[in-house]
């Protein structure tokens, strides 16, 4: 009996980490944007597998999200641009593959960054578009 009370208390004391509609909308937008840009790069003769491009794009979004979360004052358009120019893991690869991966990584950074710095009205519009199904990957 005491054990089940302890487990229940431990579960209730955990912070609720539920995603908001806005978080879900931004995630859907990033997925949509990464898909669109990966397919565009492949049409432009990029010889990199689709999944590798998607992985690089989503890595960009995850990296900028972590960076802005750790340093909230950095969450400005100028800060995001500085991050893109200095932190990108593929920027120094002197190959066509590195150039494409760097480009798609930047799309991920920009996608999440756009979500982060939006005004309340723009955030509401992002949720509205998401609920209308505008960020569906086809």
Protein backbone atom coordinates (compact mmCIF):
# COMPACT_ATOMS: atom_id res chain seq x y z
CA UNK A 1 0.00 0.00 0.00
CA UNK A 2 2.74 2.46 0.98
CA UNK A 3 4.60 1.60 -2.25
CA UNK A 4 1.62 2.47 -4.47
CA UNK A 5 1.11 5.76 -2.62
CA UNK A 6 4.80 6.56 -3.18
CA UNK A 7 4.53 5.78 -6.91
CA UNK A 8 1.39 7.90 -7.25
CA UNK A 9 3.03 10.80 -5.42
CA UNK A 10 6.13 10.53 -7.60
CA UNK A 11 4.04 10.53 -10.78
CA UNK A 12 2.00 13.52 -9.68
CA UNK A 13 5.09 15.48 -8.71
CA UNK A 14 6.57 15.20 -12.21
CA UNK A 15 6.24 18.38 -14.27
CA UNK A 16 3.72 18.16 -17.05
CA UNK A 17 5.58 18.25 -20.33
CA UNK A 18 2.57 18.33 -22.62
CA UNK A 19 3.15 19.90 -25.98
CA UNK A 20 1.01 22.90 -26.72
CA UNK A 21 -0.80 23.30 -30.03
CA UNK A 22 1.83 25.86 -30.97
CA UNK A 23 4.67 23.37 -30.29
CA UNK A 24 2.88 20.80 -32.44
CA UNK A 25 2.29 23.37 -35.18
CA UNK A 26 5.97 24.38 -35.23
CA UNK A 27 7.02 20.71 -35.35
CA UNK A 28 4.66 20.12 -38.27
CA UNK A 29 5.98 23.25 -39.99
CA UNK A 30 9.59 22.11 -39.57
CA UNK A 31 8.75 18.66 -40.94
CA UNK A 32 6.88 20.22 -43.87
CA UNK A 33 9.68 22.72 -44.57
CA UNK A 34 12.42 20.08 -44.34
CA UNK A 35 10.48 17.78 -46.69
CA UNK A 36 9.87 20.55 -49.21
CA UNK A 37 13.48 21.73 -49.21
CA UNK A 38 14.95 18.21 -49.34
CA UNK A 39 12.81 17.40 -52.38
CA UNK A 40 13.82 20.71 -53.98
CA UNK A 41 17.52 19.96 -53.48
CA UNK A 42 17.09 16.50 -54.99
CA UNK A 43 15.36 18.07 -58.01
CA UNK A 44 18.37 20.38 -58.32
CA UNK A 45 20.61 17.32 -58.75
CA UNK A 46 21.70 16.83 -55.12
CA UNK A 47 23.10 13.29 -54.99
CA UNK A 48 22.29 12.82 -51.31
CA UNK A 49 19.60 10.43 -50.07
CA UNK A 50 16.35 12.10 -48.99
CA UNK A 51 16.64 10.70 -45.45
CA UNK A 52 20.13 12.19 -45.02
CA UNK A 53 18.83 15.61 -46.04
CA UNK A 54 15.86 15.32 -43.67
CA UNK A 55 18.19 14.29 -40.84
CA UNK A 56 20.47 17.29 -41.45
CA UNK A 57 17.48 19.65 -41.60
CA UNK A 58 15.96 18.35 -38.38
CA UNK A 59 19.39 18.50 -36.72
CA UNK A 60 19.49 22.21 -37.57
CA UNK A 61 16.09 22.74 -35.97
CA UNK A 62 17.05 20.74 -32.86
CA UNK A 63 20.37 22.55 -32.50
CA UNK A 64 18.89 26.05 -32.70
CA UNK A 65 16.05 25.08 -30.35
CA UNK A 66 18.54 23.85 -27.75
CA UNK A 67 20.77 26.87 -28.26
CA UNK A 68 17.92 29.38 -27.88
CA UNK A 69 16.52 27.49 -24.89
CA UNK A 70 19.93 27.63 -23.20
CA UNK A 71 20.50 31.30 -24.14
CA UNK A 72 17.06 32.96 -24.54
CA UNK A 73 18.57 36.38 -25.21
CA UNK A 74 20.02 34.90 -28.38
CA UNK A 75 16.51 34.23 -29.73
CA UNK A 76 16.41 37.09 -32.22
CA UNK A 77 16.61 37.11 -35.98
CA UNK A 78 20.19 38.45 -35.82
CA UNK A 79 21.13 35.80 -33.30
CA UNK A 80 19.68 33.04 -35.46
CA UNK A 81 21.60 34.35 -38.48
CA UNK A 82 24.82 34.42 -36.43
CA UNK A 83 24.17 30.83 -35.33
CA UNK A 84 23.65 29.77 -38.95
CA UNK A 85 26.92 31.36 -40.01
CA UNK A 86 29.11 30.06 -37.20
CA UNK A 87 27.82 26.82 -35.71
CA UNK A 88 26.63 24.76 -38.68
CA UNK A 89 28.37 21.37 -38.47
CA UNK A 90 28.55 20.92 -42.24
CA UNK A 91 29.85 24.38 -43.18
CA UNK A 92 33.49 23.34 -43.33
CA UNK A 93 33.00 20.18 -45.39
CA UNK A 94 34.59 20.94 -48.74
CA UNK A 95 32.34 18.73 -50.83
CA UNK A 96 29.10 18.99 -52.75
CA UNK A 97 27.46 16.74 -50.15
CA UNK A 98 28.68 19.02 -47.35
CA UNK A 99 27.33 22.06 -49.16
CA UNK A 100 23.89 20.49 -49.55
CA UNK A 101 23.86 19.27 -45.96
CA UNK A 102 24.87 22.73 -44.77
CA UNK A 103 22.11 24.30 -46.85
CA UNK A 104 19.43 21.96 -45.53
CA UNK A 105 20.73 22.34 -41.95
CA UNK A 106 20.21 26.11 -42.37
CA UNK A 107 16.60 25.50 -43.45
CA UNK A 108 16.02 23.64 -40.19
CA UNK A 109 17.63 26.42 -38.14
CA UNK A 110 15.56 29.06 -39.91
CA UNK A 111 12.33 27.07 -39.59
CA UNK A 112 12.57 26.66 -35.85
CA UNK A 113 13.95 30.17 -35.43
CA UNK A 114 10.98 31.62 -37.29
CA UNK A 115 8.69 29.82 -34.87
CA UNK A 116 10.62 31.06 -31.87
CA UNK A 117 10.63 34.78 -32.70
CA UNK A 118 7.06 35.11 -33.96
CA UNK A 119 4.68 37.65 -32.51
CA UNK A 120 1.61 36.36 -30.64
CA UNK A 121 -0.57 37.06 -33.71
CA UNK A 122 1.83 35.16 -35.97
CA UNK A 123 1.93 32.27 -33.49
CA UNK A 124 -1.88 32.13 -33.51
CA UNK A 125 -1.82 32.11 -37.31
CA UNK A 126 0.71 29.25 -37.32
CA UNK A 127 -1.61 27.19 -35.11
CA UNK A 128 -4.58 28.08 -37.33
CA UNK A 129 -2.72 26.98 -40.48
CA UNK A 130 -1.62 23.77 -38.77
CA UNK A 131 -5.20 22.98 -37.71
CA UNK A 132 -6.29 23.60 -41.31
CA UNK A 133 -3.80 20.94 -42.40
CA UNK A 134 -1.49 23.25 -44.31
CA UNK A 135 1.71 21.60 -43.06
CA UNK A 136 0.97 18.07 -44.25
CA UNK A 137 3.87 16.24 -45.85
CA UNK A 138 2.73 14.69 -49.12
